[in-house]
């Protein structure tokens, strides 16, 4: 990040990738990224900040539980979680070593396509999320 407090190109790119994912993937409503300490890193928009932060805490708990189950069952790593609600789905996947990606989708979304597009998003966005960029995005998410 530069001295004039402007947003770095990496942070802008990450936020753009989240927004484009929501716009371009049928059935996806919202996307958030959460750091490993449970703090909101980024929000694709459309979801109020308080709701995004609450969802971030839920996602952090889910990730922790899934990792605990993986250790107990010697599952060789958690790839993805999908929770089905009455009116939609919550997808959670790792976004590099220190963050998670959560996607809320409606029932009309094709879960196979959404999971595939998430894999592509993680491949594009994961390498961008260095510790410095995560710290910057956390600061931006609080503003």
C-alpha atoms as a PDB file:
ATOM      1  CA  UNK A   1       0.000   0.000   0.000  1.00  0.00           C
ATOM      2  CA  UNK A   2       1.343   3.422  -0.816  1.00  0.00           C
ATOM      3  CA  UNK A   3       1.995   6.256   1.636  1.00  0.00           C
ATOM      4  CA  UNK A   4      -0.992   8.300   0.441  1.00  0.00           C
ATOM      5  CA  UNK A   5      -3.425   5.673   1.805  1.00  0.00           C
ATOM      6  CA  UNK A   6      -4.713   4.753  -1.649  1.00  0.00           C
ATOM      7  CA  UNK A   7      -5.850   1.217  -2.287  1.00  0.00           C
ATOM      8  CA  UNK A   8      -3.193  -1.073  -3.723  1.00  0.00           C
ATOM      9  CA  UNK A   9      -3.748  -2.619  -7.162  1.00  0.00           C
ATOM     10  CA  UNK A  10      -3.852  -6.081  -5.534  1.00  0.00           C
ATOM     11  CA  UNK A  11      -6.657  -5.072  -3.156  1.00  0.00           C
ATOM     12  CA  UNK A  12      -8.592  -3.408  -5.976  1.00  0.00           C
ATOM     13  CA  UNK A  13      -8.136  -6.508  -8.136  1.00  0.00           C
ATOM     14  CA  UNK A  14      -9.354  -8.791  -5.354  1.00  0.00           C
ATOM     15  CA  UNK A  15     -12.473  -6.681  -4.763  1.00  0.00           C
ATOM     16  CA  UNK A  16     -13.113  -6.564  -8.507  1.00  0.00           C
ATOM     17  CA  UNK A  17     -12.801 -10.373  -8.741  1.00  0.00           C
ATOM     18  CA  UNK A  18     -15.417 -10.838  -5.986  1.00  0.00           C
ATOM     19  CA  UNK A  19     -17.829  -8.424  -7.643  1.00  0.00           C
ATOM     20  CA  UNK A  20     -17.355  -9.968 -11.082  1.00  0.00           C
ATOM     21  CA  UNK A  21     -17.907 -13.456  -9.645  1.00  0.00           C
ATOM     22  CA  UNK A  22     -21.289 -12.409  -8.217  1.00  0.00           C
ATOM     23  CA  UNK A  23     -22.302 -10.615 -11.414  1.00  0.00           C
ATOM     24  CA  UNK A  24     -21.216 -13.385 -13.768  1.00  0.00           C
ATOM     25  CA  UNK A  25     -22.286 -16.524 -11.884  1.00  0.00           C
ATOM     26  CA  UNK A  26     -26.013 -17.296 -12.134  1.00  0.00           C
ATOM     27  CA  UNK A  27     -27.670 -17.861  -8.767  1.00  0.00           C
ATOM     28  CA  UNK A  28     -24.912 -16.259  -6.676  1.00  0.00           C
ATOM     29  CA  UNK A  29     -26.236 -13.550  -4.377  1.00  0.00           C
ATOM     30  CA  UNK A  30     -23.266 -12.511  -2.213  1.00  0.00           C
ATOM     31  CA  UNK A  31     -19.654 -13.390  -1.620  1.00  0.00           C
ATOM     32  CA  UNK A  32     -17.414 -12.589   1.318  1.00  0.00           C
ATOM     33  CA  UNK A  33     -13.825 -13.325   2.194  1.00  0.00           C
ATOM     34  CA  UNK A  34     -12.831 -13.909   5.806  1.00  0.00           C
ATOM     35  CA  UNK A  35      -9.356 -14.033   7.322  1.00  0.00           C
ATOM     36  CA  UNK A  36      -8.272 -17.005   9.407  1.00  0.00           C
ATOM     37  CA  UNK A  37      -8.916 -14.938  12.545  1.00  0.00           C
ATOM     38  CA  UNK A  38     -12.577 -14.519  11.563  1.00  0.00           C
ATOM     39  CA  UNK A  39     -12.471 -10.903  10.436  1.00  0.00           C
ATOM     40  CA  UNK A  40     -14.185  -9.734   7.273  1.00  0.00           C
ATOM     41  CA  UNK A  41     -11.661  -9.160   4.508  1.00  0.00           C
ATOM     42  CA  UNK A  42     -13.991  -8.283   1.634  1.00  0.00           C
ATOM     43  CA  UNK A  43     -17.671  -8.174   0.737  1.00  0.00           C
ATOM     44  CA  UNK A  44     -18.944  -8.325  -2.826  1.00  0.00           C
ATOM     45  CA  UNK A  45     -21.650  -5.812  -1.998  1.00  0.00           C
ATOM     46  CA  UNK A  46     -25.373  -6.096  -1.561  1.00  0.00           C
ATOM     47  CA  UNK A  47     -24.957  -7.552   1.902  1.00  0.00           C
ATOM     48  CA  UNK A  48     -25.047  -5.046   4.754  1.00  0.00           C
ATOM     49  CA  UNK A  49     -21.784  -4.739   6.633  1.00  0.00           C
ATOM     50  CA  UNK A  50     -23.201  -6.025   9.936  1.00  0.00           C
ATOM     51  CA  UNK A  51     -24.641  -9.077   8.166  1.00  0.00           C
ATOM     52  CA  UNK A  52     -21.363  -9.654   6.318  1.00  0.00           C
ATOM     53  CA  UNK A  53     -19.425  -9.490   9.600  1.00  0.00           C
ATOM     54  CA  UNK A  54     -21.867 -11.886  11.268  1.00  0.00           C
ATOM     55  CA  UNK A  55     -21.597 -14.277   8.325  1.00  0.00           C
ATOM     56  CA  UNK A  56     -17.810 -13.978   8.573  1.00  0.00           C
ATOM     57  CA  UNK A  57     -17.920 -15.139  12.188  1.00  0.00           C
ATOM     58  CA  UNK A  58     -20.161 -18.067  11.200  1.00  0.00           C
ATOM     59  CA  UNK A  59     -17.827 -19.010   8.342  1.00  0.00           C
ATOM     60  CA  UNK A  60     -14.803 -18.866  10.634  1.00  0.00           C
ATOM     61  CA  UNK A  61     -16.546 -21.245  13.043  1.00  0.00           C
ATOM     62  CA  UNK A  62     -17.532 -23.609  10.240  1.00  0.00           C
ATOM     63  CA  UNK A  63     -13.971 -23.687   8.934  1.00  0.00           C
ATOM     64  CA  UNK A  64     -12.651 -24.463  12.396  1.00  0.00           C
ATOM     65  CA  UNK A  65     -15.173 -27.268  12.910  1.00  0.00           C
ATOM     66  CA  UNK A  66     -14.475 -28.760   9.489  1.00  0.00           C
ATOM     67  CA  UNK A  67     -10.718 -28.676  10.095  1.00  0.00           C
ATOM     68  CA  UNK A  68     -11.236 -30.376  13.473  1.00  0.00           C
ATOM     69  CA  UNK A  69     -13.348 -33.098  11.869  1.00  0.00           C
ATOM     70  CA  UNK A  70     -10.720 -33.499   9.158  1.00  0.00           C
ATOM     71  CA  UNK A  71      -7.996 -34.049  11.761  1.00  0.00           C
ATOM     72  CA  UNK A  72     -10.121 -36.566  13.700  1.00  0.00           C
ATOM     73  CA  UNK A  73     -11.068 -38.494  10.586  1.00  0.00           C
ATOM     74  CA  UNK A  74      -7.698 -38.130   8.829  1.00  0.00           C
ATOM     75  CA  UNK A  75      -9.533 -36.702   5.855  1.00  0.00           C
ATOM     76  CA  UNK A  76      -6.474 -35.210   4.128  1.00  0.00           C
ATOM     77  CA  UNK A  77      -7.766 -31.620   4.073  1.00  0.00           C
ATOM     78  CA  UNK A  78     -11.096 -29.850   3.754  1.00  0.00           C
ATOM     79  CA  UNK A  79     -11.873 -29.007   0.145  1.00  0.00           C
ATOM     80  CA  UNK A  80     -15.270 -27.354   0.364  1.00  0.00           C
ATOM     81  CA  UNK A  81     -18.399 -27.178   2.518  1.00  0.00           C
ATOM     82  CA  UNK A  82     -21.898 -26.822   1.140  1.00  0.00           C
ATOM     83  CA  UNK A  83     -24.844 -26.142   3.418  1.00  0.00           C
ATOM     84  CA  UNK A  84     -28.328 -26.330   1.976  1.00  0.00           C
ATOM     85  CA  UNK A  85     -30.993 -24.035   3.393  1.00  0.00           C
ATOM     86  CA  UNK A  86     -34.682 -23.918   2.549  1.00  0.00           C
ATOM     87  CA  UNK A  87     -34.087 -21.076   0.100  1.00  0.00           C
ATOM     88  CA  UNK A  88     -30.477 -21.479  -0.977  1.00  0.00           C
ATOM     89  CA  UNK A  89     -26.947 -22.640  -0.358  1.00  0.00           C
ATOM     90  CA  UNK A  90     -23.856 -21.530   1.517  1.00  0.00           C
ATOM     91  CA  UNK A  91     -20.558 -22.629  -0.021  1.00  0.00           C
ATOM     92  CA  UNK A  92     -17.306 -22.261   1.919  1.00  0.00           C
ATOM     93  CA  UNK A  93     -13.833 -22.994   0.604  1.00  0.00           C
ATOM     94  CA  UNK A  94     -10.262 -22.126   1.447  1.00  0.00           C
ATOM     95  CA  UNK A  95      -8.842 -19.030  -0.162  1.00  0.00           C
ATOM     96  CA  UNK A  96      -5.158 -19.622   0.350  1.00  0.00           C
ATOM     97  CA  UNK A  97      -3.509 -20.403   3.662  1.00  0.00           C
ATOM     98  CA  UNK A  98      -5.015 -17.562   5.662  1.00  0.00           C
ATOM     99  CA  UNK A  99      -8.501 -16.845   4.337  1.00  0.00           C
ATOM    100  CA  UNK A 100     -11.803 -18.454   3.380  1.00  0.00           C
ATOM    101  CA  UNK A 101     -14.344 -17.654   0.701  1.00  0.00           C
ATOM    102  CA  UNK A 102     -18.069 -17.879   1.417  1.00  0.00           C
ATOM    103  CA  UNK A 103     -20.714 -17.742  -1.297  1.00  0.00           C
ATOM    104  CA  UNK A 104     -24.453 -17.418  -0.776  1.00  0.00           C
ATOM    105  CA  UNK A 105     -26.568 -18.672  -3.654  1.00  0.00           C
ATOM    106  CA  UNK A 106     -30.273 -19.056  -4.249  1.00  0.00           C
ATOM    107  CA  UNK A 107     -32.013 -22.375  -4.943  1.00  0.00           C
ATOM    108  CA  UNK A 108     -32.077 -21.655  -8.672  1.00  0.00           C
ATOM    109  CA  UNK A 109     -28.284 -21.711  -8.865  1.00  0.00           C
ATOM    110  CA  UNK A 110     -26.627 -24.756 -10.389  1.00  0.00           C
ATOM    111  CA  UNK A 111     -24.411 -25.955  -7.540  1.00  0.00           C
ATOM    112  CA  UNK A 112     -21.963 -27.711  -9.859  1.00  0.00           C
ATOM    113  CA  UNK A 113     -21.427 -24.535 -11.877  1.00  0.00           C
ATOM    114  CA  UNK A 114     -21.107 -22.406  -8.737  1.00  0.00           C
ATOM    115  CA  UNK A 115     -18.541 -24.804  -7.245  1.00  0.00           C
ATOM    116  CA  UNK A 116     -16.604 -24.791 -10.533  1.00  0.00           C
ATOM    117  CA  UNK A 117     -16.633 -20.990 -10.753  1.00  0.00           C
ATOM    118  CA  UNK A 118     -15.502 -20.811  -7.113  1.00  0.00           C
ATOM    119  CA  UNK A 119     -12.533 -23.016  -7.992  1.00  0.00           C
ATOM    120  CA  UNK A 120     -11.605 -20.619 -10.792  1.00  0.00           C
ATOM    121  CA  UNK A 121     -12.023 -17.613  -8.479  1.00  0.00           C
ATOM    122  CA  UNK A 122      -9.776 -19.186  -5.845  1.00  0.00           C
ATOM    123  CA  UNK A 123      -7.144 -19.928  -8.502  1.00  0.00           C
ATOM    124  CA  UNK A 124      -7.182 -16.269  -9.579  1.00  0.00           C
ATOM    125  CA  UNK A 125      -7.596 -14.590  -6.204  1.00  0.00           C
ATOM    126  CA  UNK A 126      -5.700 -16.876  -3.839  1.00  0.00           C
ATOM    127  CA  UNK A 127      -2.203 -15.895  -5.001  1.00  0.00           C
ATOM    128  CA  UNK A 128      -3.088 -12.193  -4.617  1.00  0.00           C
ATOM    129  CA  UNK A 129      -3.935 -12.596  -0.924  1.00  0.00           C
ATOM    130  CA  UNK A 130      -0.584 -12.054   0.712  1.00  0.00           C
ATOM    131  CA  UNK A 131      -0.558 -11.175   4.425  1.00  0.00           C
ATOM    132  CA  UNK A 132      -0.070  -7.498   3.505  1.00  0.00           C
ATOM    133  CA  UNK A 133      -3.059  -7.486   1.146  1.00  0.00           C
ATOM    134  CA  UNK A 134      -5.232  -9.257   3.736  1.00  0.00           C
ATOM    135  CA  UNK A 135      -4.266  -6.637   6.336  1.00  0.00           C
ATOM    136  CA  UNK A 136      -5.090  -3.863   3.864  1.00  0.00           C
ATOM    137  CA  UNK A 137      -8.439  -5.403   2.947  1.00  0.00           C
ATOM    138  CA  UNK A 138      -9.371  -5.842   6.626  1.00  0.00           C
ATOM    139  CA  UNK A 139      -8.689  -2.148   7.166  1.00  0.00           C
ATOM    140  CA  UNK A 140     -10.769  -1.230   4.103  1.00  0.00           C
ATOM    141  CA  UNK A 141     -13.631  -3.519   5.233  1.00  0.00           C
ATOM    142  CA  UNK A 142     -13.879  -1.590   8.525  1.00  0.00           C
ATOM    143  CA  UNK A 143     -14.305   1.750   6.776  1.00  0.00           C
END
